[in-house]
PDB file of N, CA and C in Angstrom:
ATOM      1  N   MET A   1     -10.434  -1.030   5.575  1.00  0.00           N
ATOM      2  CA  MET A   1      -9.607  -0.864   4.388  1.00  0.00           C
ATOM      3  C   MET A   1      -8.159  -1.297   4.705  1.00  0.00           C
ATOM      4  N   LYS A   2      -7.677  -2.219   3.928  1.00  0.00           N
ATOM      5  CA  LYS A   2      -6.292  -2.655   4.149  1.00  0.00           C
ATOM      6  C   LYS A   2      -5.368  -1.925   3.222  1.00  0.00           C
ATOM      7  N   THR A   3      -4.240  -1.469   3.777  1.00  0.00           N
ATOM      8  CA  THR A   3      -3.212  -0.843   2.960  1.00  0.00           C
ATOM      9  C   THR A   3      -1.935  -1.619   3.112  1.00  0.00           C
ATOM     10  N   LYS A   4      -1.207  -1.645   2.017  1.00  0.00           N
ATOM     11  CA  LYS A   4       0.029  -2.425   2.007  1.00  0.00           C
ATOM     12  C   LYS A   4       1.130  -1.652   2.730  1.00  0.00           C
ATOM     13  N   PHE A   5       1.232  -0.381   2.446  1.00  0.00           N
ATOM     14  CA  PHE A   5       2.238   0.470   3.087  1.00  0.00           C
ATOM     15  C   PHE A   5       1.598   1.681   3.667  1.00  0.00           C
ATOM     16  N   GLY A   6       2.209   2.201   4.742  1.00  0.00           N
ATOM     17  CA  GLY A   6       1.709   3.432   5.318  1.00  0.00           C
ATOM     18  C   GLY A   6       2.571   3.884   6.446  1.00  0.00           C
ATOM     19  N   CYS A   7       2.568   5.150   6.714  1.00  0.00           N
ATOM     20  CA  CYS A   7       3.286   5.606   7.908  1.00  0.00           C
ATOM     21  C   CYS A   7       2.477   6.700   8.569  1.00  0.00           C
ATOM     22  N   ASN A   8       2.347   6.624   9.844  1.00  0.00           N
ATOM     23  CA  ASN A   8       1.600   7.647  10.599  1.00  0.00           C
ATOM     24  C   ASN A   8       2.554   8.672  11.163  1.00  0.00           C
ATOM     25  N   THR A   9       2.167   9.899  11.083  1.00  0.00           N
ATOM     26  CA  THR A   9       2.910  10.947  11.706  1.00  0.00           C
ATOM     27  C   THR A   9       1.980  11.636  12.691  1.00  0.00           C
ATOM     28  N   ALA A  10       2.546  12.512  13.506  1.00  0.00           N
ATOM     29  CA  ALA A  10       1.703  13.196  14.495  1.00  0.00           C
ATOM     30  C   ALA A  10       0.617  14.046  13.843  1.00  0.00           C
ATOM     31  N   TYR A  11       0.938  14.635  12.694  1.00  0.00           N
ATOM     32  CA  TYR A  11       0.012  15.576  12.086  1.00  0.00           C
ATOM     33  C   TYR A  11      -0.795  14.992  10.948  1.00  0.00           C
ATOM     34  N   GLY A  12      -0.219  14.127  10.150  1.00  0.00           N
ATOM     35  CA  GLY A  12      -0.970  13.580   9.033  1.00  0.00           C
ATOM     36  C   GLY A  12      -0.530  12.200   8.722  1.00  0.00           C
ATOM     37  N   THR A  13      -1.236  11.606   7.825  1.00  0.00           N
ATOM     38  CA  THR A  13      -0.942  10.227   7.478  1.00  0.00           C
ATOM     39  C   THR A  13      -0.671  10.183   5.978  1.00  0.00           C
ATOM     40  N   CYS A  14       0.476   9.652   5.617  1.00  0.00           N
ATOM     41  CA  CYS A  14       0.665   9.426   4.202  1.00  0.00           C
ATOM     42  C   CYS A  14       0.607   7.923   3.928  1.00  0.00           C
ATOM     43  N   VAL A  15      -0.258   7.544   3.115  1.00  0.00           N
ATOM     44  CA  VAL A  15      -0.456   6.118   2.919  1.00  0.00           C
ATOM     45  C   VAL A  15      -0.483   5.880   1.386  1.00  0.00           C
ATOM     46  N   VAL A  16       0.180   4.854   1.018  1.00  0.00           N
ATOM     47  CA  VAL A  16       0.095   4.399  -0.375  1.00  0.00           C
ATOM     48  C   VAL A  16      -0.664   3.094  -0.394  1.00  0.00           C
ATOM     49  N   SER A  17      -1.834   3.142  -0.995  1.00  0.00           N
ATOM     50  CA  SER A  17      -2.665   1.964  -1.053  1.00  0.00           C
ATOM     51  C   SER A  17      -2.789   1.520  -2.514  1.00  0.00           C
ATOM     52  N   GLY A  18      -3.426   0.392  -2.700  1.00  0.00           N
ATOM     53  CA  GLY A  18      -3.595  -0.064  -4.075  1.00  0.00           C
ATOM     54  C   GLY A  18      -2.395  -0.726  -4.643  1.00  0.00           C
ATOM     55  N   LEU A  19      -1.406  -0.991  -3.797  1.00  0.00           N
ATOM     56  CA  LEU A  19      -0.230  -1.717  -4.270  1.00  0.00           C
ATOM     57  C   LEU A  19      -0.331  -3.197  -3.893  1.00  0.00           C
ATOM     58  N   VAL A  20      -1.532  -3.623  -3.627  1.00  0.00           N
ATOM     59  CA  VAL A  20      -1.740  -4.993  -3.200  1.00  0.00           C
ATOM     60  C   VAL A  20      -1.474  -5.941  -4.367  1.00  0.00           C
ATOM     61  N   THR A  21      -1.724  -5.491  -5.565  1.00  0.00           N
ATOM     62  CA  THR A  21      -1.530  -6.324  -6.736  1.00  0.00           C
ATOM     63  C   THR A  21      -0.049  -6.328  -7.162  1.00  0.00           C
ATOM     64  N   LEU A  22       0.784  -6.839  -6.289  1.00  0.00           N
ATOM     65  CA  LEU A  22       2.217  -6.910  -6.603  1.00  0.00           C
ATOM     66  C   LEU A  22       2.466  -8.277  -7.270  1.00  0.00           C
ATOM     67  N   LYS A  23       2.968  -8.206  -8.479  1.00  0.00           N
ATOM     68  CA  LYS A  23       3.373  -9.472  -9.112  1.00  0.00           C
ATOM     69  C   LYS A  23       4.672  -9.879  -8.540  1.00  0.00           C
ATOM     70  N   GLY A  24       5.166  -9.158  -7.709  1.00  0.00           N
ATOM     71  CA  GLY A  24       6.457  -8.718  -7.414  1.00  0.00           C
ATOM     72  C   GLY A  24       7.501  -9.636  -6.877  1.00  0.00           C
ATOM     73  N   THR A  25       8.686  -9.256  -7.244  1.00  0.00           N
ATOM     74  CA  THR A  25       9.864  -9.835  -6.573  1.00  0.00           C
ATOM     75  C   THR A  25      10.146  -8.999  -5.344  1.00  0.00           C
ATOM     76  N   ILE A  26      11.043  -9.533  -4.519  1.00  0.00           N
ATOM     77  CA  ILE A  26      11.424  -8.803  -3.314  1.00  0.00           C
ATOM     78  C   ILE A  26      12.055  -7.438  -3.708  1.00  0.00           C
ATOM     79  N   HIS A  27      12.754  -7.442  -4.831  1.00  0.00           N
ATOM     80  CA  HIS A  27      13.385  -6.192  -5.295  1.00  0.00           C
ATOM     81  C   HIS A  27      12.407  -5.073  -5.484  1.00  0.00           C
ATOM     82  N   SER A  28      11.303  -5.361  -6.239  1.00  0.00           N
ATOM     83  CA  SER A  28      10.339  -4.333  -6.484  1.00  0.00           C
ATOM     84  C   SER A  28       9.610  -3.918  -5.188  1.00  0.00           C
ATOM     85  N   LEU A  29       9.440  -4.904  -4.302  1.00  0.00           N
ATOM     86  CA  LEU A  29       8.788  -4.638  -3.013  1.00  0.00           C
ATOM     87  C   LEU A  29       9.656  -3.612  -2.206  1.00  0.00           C
ATOM     88  N   LEU A  30      10.933  -3.882  -2.198  1.00  0.00           N
ATOM     89  CA  LEU A  30      11.879  -3.000  -1.505  1.00  0.00           C
ATOM     90  C   LEU A  30      11.846  -1.616  -2.120  1.00  0.00           C
ATOM     91  N   GLU A  31      11.836  -1.587  -3.457  1.00  0.00           N
ATOM     92  CA  GLU A  31      11.841  -0.323  -4.168  1.00  0.00           C
ATOM     93  C   GLU A  31      10.631   0.504  -3.754  1.00  0.00           C
ATOM     94  N   GLN A  32       9.492  -0.092  -3.695  1.00  0.00           N
ATOM     95  CA  GLN A  32       8.265   0.627  -3.344  1.00  0.00           C
ATOM     96  C   GLN A  32       8.281   1.059  -1.901  1.00  0.00           C
ATOM     97  N   THR A  33       8.830   0.207  -1.027  1.00  0.00           N
ATOM     98  CA  THR A  33       8.941   0.610   0.379  1.00  0.00           C
ATOM     99  C   THR A  33       9.820   1.824   0.517  1.00  0.00           C
ATOM    100  N   ASN A  34      10.928   1.855  -0.238  1.00  0.00           N
ATOM    101  CA  ASN A  34      11.812   3.007  -0.211  1.00  0.00           C
ATOM    102  C   ASN A  34      11.126   4.275  -0.719  1.00  0.00           C
ATOM    103  N   GLN A  35      10.313   4.150  -1.753  1.00  0.00           N
ATOM    104  CA  GLN A  35       9.551   5.288  -2.291  1.00  0.00           C
ATOM    105  C   GLN A  35       8.620   5.845  -1.244  1.00  0.00           C
ATOM    106  N   VAL A  36       7.886   4.930  -0.580  1.00  0.00           N
ATOM    107  CA  VAL A  36       6.946   5.341   0.479  1.00  0.00           C
ATOM    108  C   VAL A  36       7.683   6.024   1.642  1.00  0.00           C
ATOM    109  N   ALA A  37       8.784   5.450   2.037  1.00  0.00           N
ATOM    110  CA  ALA A  37       9.560   6.016   3.130  1.00  0.00           C
ATOM    111  C   ALA A  37      10.027   7.435   2.737  1.00  0.00           C
ATOM    112  N   GLY A  38      10.466   7.581   1.483  1.00  0.00           N
ATOM    113  CA  GLY A  38      10.904   8.909   0.993  1.00  0.00           C
ATOM    114  C   GLY A  38       9.763   9.917   1.009  1.00  0.00           C
ATOM    115  N   MET A  39       8.560   9.458   0.579  1.00  0.00           N
ATOM    116  CA  MET A  39       7.387  10.348   0.584  1.00  0.00           C
ATOM    117  C   MET A  39       7.058  10.777   2.007  1.00  0.00           C
ATOM    118  N   CYS A  40       7.060   9.833   2.908  1.00  0.00           N
ATOM    119  CA  CYS A  40       6.755  10.124   4.305  1.00  0.00           C
ATOM    120  C   CYS A  40       7.757  11.082   4.886  1.00  0.00           C
ATOM    121  N   LYS A  41       9.004  10.883   4.556  1.00  0.00           N
ATOM    122  CA  LYS A  41      10.059  11.767   5.076  1.00  0.00           C
ATOM    123  C   LYS A  41       9.854  13.195   4.565  1.00  0.00           C
ATOM    124  N   SER A  42       9.563  13.330   3.258  1.00  0.00           N
ATOM    125  CA  SER A  42       9.376  14.690   2.741  1.00  0.00           C
ATOM    126  C   SER A  42       8.110  15.313   3.304  1.00  0.00           C
ATOM    127  N   MET A  43       7.045  14.491   3.544  1.00  0.00           N
ATOM    128  CA  MET A  43       5.861  14.981   4.188  1.00  0.00           C
ATOM    129  C   MET A  43       6.179  15.546   5.573  1.00  0.00           C
ATOM    130  N   MET A  44       6.940  14.774   6.336  1.00  0.00           N
ATOM    131  CA  MET A  44       7.298  15.164   7.677  1.00  0.00           C
ATOM    132  C   MET A  44       8.087  16.465   7.683  1.00  0.00           C
ATOM    133  N   MET A  45       9.033  16.576   6.735  1.00  0.00           N
ATOM    134  CA  MET A  45       9.845  17.808   6.641  1.00  0.00           C
ATOM    135  C   MET A  45       8.976  19.007   6.333  1.00  0.00           C
ATOM    136  N   LEU A  46       8.044  18.816   5.411  1.00  0.00           N
ATOM    137  CA  LEU A  46       7.122  19.899   5.058  1.00  0.00           C
ATOM    138  C   LEU A  46       6.275  20.281   6.253  1.00  0.00           C
ATOM    139  N   ILE A  47       5.745  19.285   6.978  1.00  0.00           N
ATOM    140  CA  ILE A  47       4.888  19.561   8.127  1.00  0.00           C
ATOM    141  C   ILE A  47       5.673  20.253   9.213  1.00  0.00           C
ATOM    142  N   ARG A  48       6.938  19.831   9.448  1.00  0.00           N
ATOM    143  CA  ARG A  48       7.769  20.441  10.464  1.00  0.00           C
ATOM    144  C   ARG A  48       7.993  21.930  10.125  1.00  0.00           C
ATOM    145  N   ARG A  49       8.316  22.142   8.829  1.00  0.00           N
ATOM    146  CA  ARG A  49       8.574  23.518   8.377  1.00  0.00           C
ATOM    147  C   ARG A  49       7.358  24.386   8.570  1.00  0.00           C
ATOM    148  N   LEU A  50       6.207  23.844   8.230  1.00  0.00           N
ATOM    149  CA  LEU A  50       4.972  24.661   8.376  1.00  0.00           C
ATOM    150  C   LEU A  50       4.654  24.961   9.820  1.00  0.00           C
ATOM    151  N   THR A  51       4.841  23.925  10.682  1.00  0.00           N
ATOM    152  CA  THR A  51       4.521  24.163  12.135  1.00  0.00           C
ATOM    153  C   THR A  51       5.484  25.126  12.746  1.00  0.00           C
ATOM    154  N   SER A  52       6.793  25.056  12.376  1.00  0.00           N
ATOM    155  CA  SER A  52       7.738  25.992  12.947  1.00  0.00           C
ATOM    156  C   SER A  52       7.433  27.431  12.496  1.00  0.00           C
ATOM    157  N   VAL A  53       7.013  27.556  11.270  1.00  0.00           N
ATOM    158  CA  VAL A  53       6.601  28.915  10.796  1.00  0.00           C
ATOM    159  C   VAL A  53       5.373  29.407  11.556  1.00  0.00           C
ATOM    160  N   ALA A  54       4.407  28.507  11.781  1.00  0.00           N
ATOM    161  CA  ALA A  54       3.210  28.875  12.517  1.00  0.00           C
ATOM    162  C   ALA A  54       3.533  29.287  13.946  1.00  0.00           C
ATOM    163  N   ILE A  55       4.437  28.546  14.565  1.00  0.00           N
ATOM    164  CA  ILE A  55       4.839  28.825  15.970  1.00  0.00           C
ATOM    165  C   ILE A  55       5.507  30.190  16.032  1.00  0.00           C
ATOM    166  N   ARG A  56       6.399  30.423  15.073  1.00  0.00           N
ATOM    167  CA  ARG A  56       7.104  31.719  15.035  1.00  0.00           C
ATOM    168  C   ARG A  56       6.125  32.846  14.853  1.00  0.00           C
ATOM    169  N   PHE A  57       5.157  32.647  13.987  1.00  0.00           N
ATOM    170  CA  PHE A  57       4.149  33.668  13.758  1.00  0.00           C
ATOM    171  C   PHE A  57       3.323  33.932  15.019  1.00  0.00           C
ATOM    172  N   ASP A  58       2.959  32.851  15.704  1.00  0.00           N
ATOM    173  CA  ASP A  58       2.204  33.051  16.967  1.00  0.00           C
ATOM    174  C   ASP A  58       3.027  33.823  17.969  1.00  0.00           C
ATOM    175  N   ALA A  59       4.280  33.504  18.149  1.00  0.00           N
ATOM    176  CA  ALA A  59       5.143  34.227  19.079  1.00  0.00           C
ATOM    177  C   ALA A  59       5.278  35.705  18.649  1.00  0.00           C
ATOM    178  N   TRP A  60       5.398  35.968  17.368  1.00  0.00           N
ATOM    179  CA  TRP A  60       5.460  37.335  16.893  1.00  0.00           C
ATOM    180  C   TRP A  60       4.207  38.083  17.165  1.00  0.00           C
ATOM    181  N   GLU A  61       3.064  37.457  16.958  1.00  0.00           N
ATOM    182  CA  GLU A  61       1.775  38.065  17.237  1.00  0.00           C
ATOM    183  C   GLU A  61       1.646  38.453  18.688  1.00  0.00           C
ATOM    184  N   GLU A  62       2.075  37.528  19.598  1.00  0.00           N
ATOM    185  CA  GLU A  62       1.994  37.765  21.030  1.00  0.00           C
ATOM    186  C   GLU A  62       2.835  39.004  21.416  1.00  0.00           C
ATOM    187  N   THR A  63       4.048  39.047  20.909  1.00  0.00           N
ATOM    188  CA  THR A  63       4.892  40.201  21.264  1.00  0.00           C
ATOM    189  C   THR A  63       4.358  41.500  20.696  1.00  0.00           C
ATOM    190  N   ARG A  64       3.747  41.410  19.510  1.00  0.00           N
ATOM    191  CA  ARG A  64       3.214  42.557  18.917  1.00  0.00           C
ATOM    192  C   ARG A  64       1.990  43.117  19.709  1.00  0.00           C
ATOM    193  N   VAL A  65       1.192  42.191  20.195  1.00  0.00           N
ATOM    194  CA  VAL A  65       0.005  42.577  20.987  1.00  0.00           C
ATOM    195  C   VAL A  65       0.421  43.156  22.314  1.00  0.00           C
ATOM    196  N   GLN A  66       1.472  42.617  22.947  1.00  0.00           N
ATOM    197  CA  GLN A  66       1.916  43.106  24.222  1.00  0.00           C
ATOM    198  C   GLN A  66       2.454  44.520  24.185  1.00  0.00           C
ATOM    199  N   ARG A  67       3.039  44.925  23.051  1.00  0.00           N
ATOM    200  CA  ARG A  67       3.651  46.255  22.967  1.00  0.00           C
ATOM    201  C   ARG A  67       2.613  47.353  22.951  1.00  0.00           C
TER     202      ARG A  67
END
């Protein structure tokens, strides 16, 4: 399966496919690339937030069990 845009992260992949039918000028192409980059960035922020919460919870569980 070929995708026009995509970015891989350590945890997940956000890919925008189906944009192959671009009638497009360079301007619209750039616009879509920016949208995808923005989506990937927000995905990464969300993933980072979730993992840091999970790590904190793990540490809290460990200290609670040790007591």
